[in-house]
Amino acid sequence: MNNWQEQIEINPNVCHGKPCIKGTRIMVSVILDNLAEGLTLAEIVEDYPPLTVENVRSAIAYAAALVREEELLPLRQG
């Protein structure tokens, strides 16, 4: 299993505290949005040169960990 904790950080002084890849301002949500649009891992890494394939996999693993949480709240519409 991917050890996403080593690659994802939440810092209130970076991107308003949104989860980002450590050492960058690339938010996990940006990576997931690109995946949802159909981009491959290689295409995302090409579009965002600071990223590695392992960073992208860490973003996916982080999202999976969030979904496994015991209490899920409905998303806001909009």
N, C-alpha and C. Protein backbone atom coordinates (compact mmCIF):
# COMPACT_ATOMS: atom_id res chain seq x y z
N MET A 1 0.85 -1.19 0.00
CA MET A 1 0.00 0.00 0.00
C MET A 1 0.89 1.24 0.00
N ASN A 2 0.49 2.23 -0.75
CA ASN A 2 1.20 3.49 -0.87
C ASN A 2 1.23 4.21 0.47
N ASN A 3 2.39 4.72 0.86
CA ASN A 3 2.52 5.47 2.09
C ASN A 3 2.33 6.95 1.79
N TRP A 4 1.09 7.34 1.55
CA TRP A 4 0.78 8.71 1.13
C TRP A 4 1.16 9.75 2.18
N GLN A 5 1.22 9.35 3.45
CA GLN A 5 1.54 10.30 4.51
C GLN A 5 2.91 10.96 4.31
N GLU A 6 3.80 10.29 3.61
CA GLU A 6 5.12 10.85 3.35
C GLU A 6 5.11 11.88 2.22
N GLN A 7 4.04 11.93 1.43
CA GLN A 7 4.03 12.80 0.26
C GLN A 7 2.94 13.86 0.26
N ILE A 8 1.98 13.73 1.14
CA ILE A 8 0.87 14.69 1.20
C ILE A 8 1.02 15.52 2.47
N GLU A 9 0.84 16.82 2.34
CA GLU A 9 0.89 17.67 3.53
C GLU A 9 -0.30 18.62 3.54
N ILE A 10 -0.69 18.96 4.74
CA ILE A 10 -1.74 19.96 4.94
C ILE A 10 -1.12 21.04 5.82
N ASN A 11 -0.92 22.19 5.21
CA ASN A 11 -0.27 23.30 5.89
C ASN A 11 -1.17 24.52 5.73
N PRO A 12 -1.62 25.12 6.83
CA PRO A 12 -2.52 26.27 6.71
C PRO A 12 -1.92 27.44 5.93
N ASN A 13 -0.60 27.47 5.79
CA ASN A 13 0.06 28.55 5.05
C ASN A 13 0.26 28.25 3.57
N VAL A 14 -0.16 27.07 3.13
CA VAL A 14 0.00 26.68 1.72
C VAL A 14 -1.37 26.29 1.18
N CYS A 15 -1.79 26.96 0.12
CA CYS A 15 -3.07 26.66 -0.56
C CYS A 15 -4.25 26.61 0.42
N HIS A 16 -4.25 27.54 1.36
CA HIS A 16 -5.35 27.66 2.32
C HIS A 16 -5.60 26.39 3.11
N GLY A 17 -4.55 25.62 3.34
CA GLY A 17 -4.68 24.40 4.14
C GLY A 17 -5.25 23.21 3.41
N LYS A 18 -5.36 23.30 2.09
CA LYS A 18 -5.83 22.15 1.30
C LYS A 18 -4.69 21.15 1.16
N PRO A 19 -4.99 19.85 1.10
CA PRO A 19 -3.94 18.85 0.95
C PRO A 19 -3.18 19.04 -0.36
N CYS A 20 -1.85 19.07 -0.25
CA CYS A 20 -0.96 19.27 -1.41
C CYS A 20 0.14 18.23 -1.39
N ILE A 21 0.78 18.07 -2.54
CA ILE A 21 2.00 17.26 -2.61
C ILE A 21 3.10 18.07 -1.93
N LYS A 22 3.81 17.44 -1.00
CA LYS A 22 4.86 18.13 -0.25
C LYS A 22 5.85 18.82 -1.19
N GLY A 23 6.21 20.03 -0.81
CA GLY A 23 7.19 20.78 -1.58
C GLY A 23 6.63 21.45 -2.82
N THR A 24 5.32 21.35 -3.01
CA THR A 24 4.68 22.00 -4.17
C THR A 24 3.42 22.71 -3.69
N ARG A 25 2.79 23.39 -4.60
CA ARG A 25 1.48 23.98 -4.35
C ARG A 25 0.43 23.25 -5.20
N ILE A 26 0.74 22.03 -5.55
CA ILE A 26 -0.18 21.23 -6.36
C ILE A 26 -1.10 20.47 -5.42
N MET A 27 -2.37 20.84 -5.45
CA MET A 27 -3.34 20.25 -4.54
C MET A 27 -3.76 18.86 -5.01
N VAL A 28 -4.05 18.01 -4.04
CA VAL A 28 -4.56 16.67 -4.33
C VAL A 28 -5.80 16.77 -5.21
N SER A 29 -6.65 17.74 -4.95
CA SER A 29 -7.88 17.89 -5.74
C SER A 29 -7.59 18.14 -7.22
N VAL A 30 -6.51 18.85 -7.52
CA VAL A 30 -6.13 19.11 -8.92
C VAL A 30 -5.76 17.79 -9.60
N ILE A 31 -5.00 16.97 -8.89
CA ILE A 31 -4.61 15.67 -9.44
C ILE A 31 -5.83 14.80 -9.68
N LEU A 32 -6.73 14.75 -8.69
CA LEU A 32 -7.94 13.93 -8.84
C LEU A 32 -8.85 14.45 -9.94
N ASP A 33 -8.95 15.77 -10.07
CA ASP A 33 -9.75 16.34 -11.16
C ASP A 33 -9.19 15.92 -12.52
N ASN A 34 -7.87 15.93 -12.65
CA ASN A 34 -7.25 15.51 -13.91
C ASN A 34 -7.51 14.04 -14.20
N LEU A 35 -7.44 13.21 -13.17
CA LEU A 35 -7.75 11.79 -13.35
C LEU A 35 -9.21 11.61 -13.77
N ALA A 36 -10.10 12.37 -13.14
CA ALA A 36 -11.53 12.28 -13.47
C ALA A 36 -11.80 12.71 -14.91
N GLU A 37 -10.97 13.60 -15.43
CA GLU A 37 -11.10 14.05 -16.82
C GLU A 37 -10.54 13.04 -17.81
N GLY A 38 -9.90 12.00 -17.28
CA GLY A 38 -9.40 10.94 -18.16
C GLY A 38 -7.92 10.98 -18.45
N LEU A 39 -7.19 11.92 -17.84
CA LEU A 39 -5.75 11.95 -18.06
C LEU A 39 -5.09 10.75 -17.40
N THR A 40 -4.03 10.27 -18.00
CA THR A 40 -3.27 9.17 -17.43
C THR A 40 -2.28 9.73 -16.41
N LEU A 41 -1.71 8.84 -15.61
CA LEU A 41 -0.69 9.28 -14.65
C LEU A 41 0.45 9.97 -15.39
N ALA A 42 0.88 9.38 -16.50
CA ALA A 42 1.99 9.96 -17.27
C ALA A 42 1.64 11.36 -17.80
N GLU A 43 0.41 11.55 -18.25
CA GLU A 43 0.00 12.87 -18.75
C GLU A 43 -0.02 13.91 -17.64
N ILE A 44 -0.45 13.52 -16.46
CA ILE A 44 -0.47 14.46 -15.33
C ILE A 44 0.95 14.86 -14.96
N VAL A 45 1.83 13.88 -14.89
CA VAL A 45 3.24 14.17 -14.57
C VAL A 45 3.85 15.07 -15.64
N GLU A 46 3.48 14.86 -16.88
CA GLU A 46 3.99 15.71 -17.97
C GLU A 46 3.46 17.14 -17.84
N ASP A 47 2.18 17.28 -17.46
CA ASP A 47 1.56 18.61 -17.32
C ASP A 47 2.05 19.36 -16.08
N TYR A 48 2.46 18.64 -15.07
CA TYR A 48 2.91 19.23 -13.80
C TYR A 48 4.31 18.69 -13.50
N PRO A 49 5.35 19.29 -14.09
CA PRO A 49 6.72 18.75 -13.98
C PRO A 49 7.23 18.46 -12.57
N PRO A 50 6.79 19.19 -11.51
CA PRO A 50 7.31 18.81 -10.19
C PRO A 50 6.81 17.44 -9.70
N LEU A 51 5.74 16.92 -10.31
CA LEU A 51 5.15 15.66 -9.85
C LEU A 51 5.87 14.44 -10.39
N THR A 52 5.76 13.37 -9.62
CA THR A 52 6.19 12.05 -10.07
C THR A 52 4.96 11.15 -10.11
N VAL A 53 5.09 10.02 -10.76
CA VAL A 53 3.99 9.05 -10.79
C VAL A 53 3.64 8.64 -9.36
N GLU A 54 4.65 8.50 -8.52
CA GLU A 54 4.41 8.13 -7.12
C GLU A 54 3.60 9.20 -6.39
N ASN A 55 3.83 10.48 -6.70
CA ASN A 55 3.01 11.55 -6.12
C ASN A 55 1.55 11.39 -6.50
N VAL A 56 1.30 11.09 -7.77
CA VAL A 56 -0.07 10.91 -8.25
C VAL A 56 -0.71 9.71 -7.54
N ARG A 57 0.03 8.64 -7.41
CA ARG A 57 -0.50 7.47 -6.69
C ARG A 57 -0.78 7.81 -5.23
N SER A 58 0.04 8.65 -4.64
CA SER A 58 -0.20 9.06 -3.25
C SER A 58 -1.48 9.87 -3.13
N ALA A 59 -1.75 10.71 -4.11
CA ALA A 59 -3.00 11.48 -4.10
C ALA A 59 -4.21 10.54 -4.16
N ILE A 60 -4.11 9.51 -4.98
CA ILE A 60 -5.19 8.53 -5.08
C ILE A 60 -5.34 7.77 -3.77
N ALA A 61 -4.23 7.38 -3.18
CA ALA A 61 -4.27 6.65 -1.91
C ALA A 61 -4.84 7.52 -0.80
N TYR A 62 -4.51 8.79 -0.80
CA TYR A 62 -5.06 9.73 0.19
C TYR A 62 -6.58 9.81 0.04
N ALA A 63 -7.05 9.95 -1.19
CA ALA A 63 -8.50 10.01 -1.43
C ALA A 63 -9.18 8.72 -0.98
N ALA A 64 -8.56 7.59 -1.25
CA ALA A 64 -9.12 6.31 -0.82
C ALA A 64 -9.19 6.24 0.70
N ALA A 65 -8.17 6.74 1.38
CA ALA A 65 -8.17 6.74 2.85
C ALA A 65 -9.31 7.60 3.39
N LEU A 66 -9.57 8.72 2.74
CA LEU A 66 -10.67 9.58 3.18
C LEU A 66 -12.01 8.89 3.04
N VAL A 67 -12.19 8.17 1.96
CA VAL A 67 -13.46 7.48 1.72
C VAL A 67 -13.68 6.36 2.73
N ARG A 68 -12.59 5.78 3.22
CA ARG A 68 -12.71 4.71 4.21
C ARG A 68 -13.07 5.21 5.60
N GLU A 69 -13.06 6.51 5.82
CA GLU A 69 -13.41 7.05 7.14
C GLU A 69 -14.79 6.54 7.55
N GLU A 70 -14.99 6.39 8.84
CA GLU A 70 -16.23 5.80 9.34
C GLU A 70 -17.45 6.67 9.10
N GLU A 71 -17.30 7.98 9.20
CA GLU A 71 -18.44 8.86 9.02
C GLU A 71 -18.24 9.70 7.75
N LEU A 72 -19.13 9.53 6.81
CA LEU A 72 -19.08 10.31 5.59
C LEU A 72 -20.19 11.36 5.63
N LEU A 73 -19.86 12.56 5.27
CA LEU A 73 -20.84 13.64 5.22
C LEU A 73 -21.20 13.90 3.77
N PRO A 74 -22.45 14.27 3.52
CA PRO A 74 -22.81 14.58 2.13
C PRO A 74 -22.05 15.80 1.62
N LEU A 75 -21.72 15.78 0.33
CA LEU A 75 -21.05 16.90 -0.29
C LEU A 75 -22.02 18.06 -0.49
N ARG A 76 -21.47 19.26 -0.44
CA ARG A 76 -22.30 20.43 -0.77
C ARG A 76 -22.60 20.41 -2.26
N GLN A 77 -23.77 20.82 -2.61
CA GLN A 77 -24.14 20.91 -4.03
C GLN A 77 -23.57 22.19 -4.60
N GLY A 78 -23.09 22.11 -5.85
CA GLY A 78 -22.63 23.33 -6.49
C GLY A 78 -21.27 23.27 -6.84
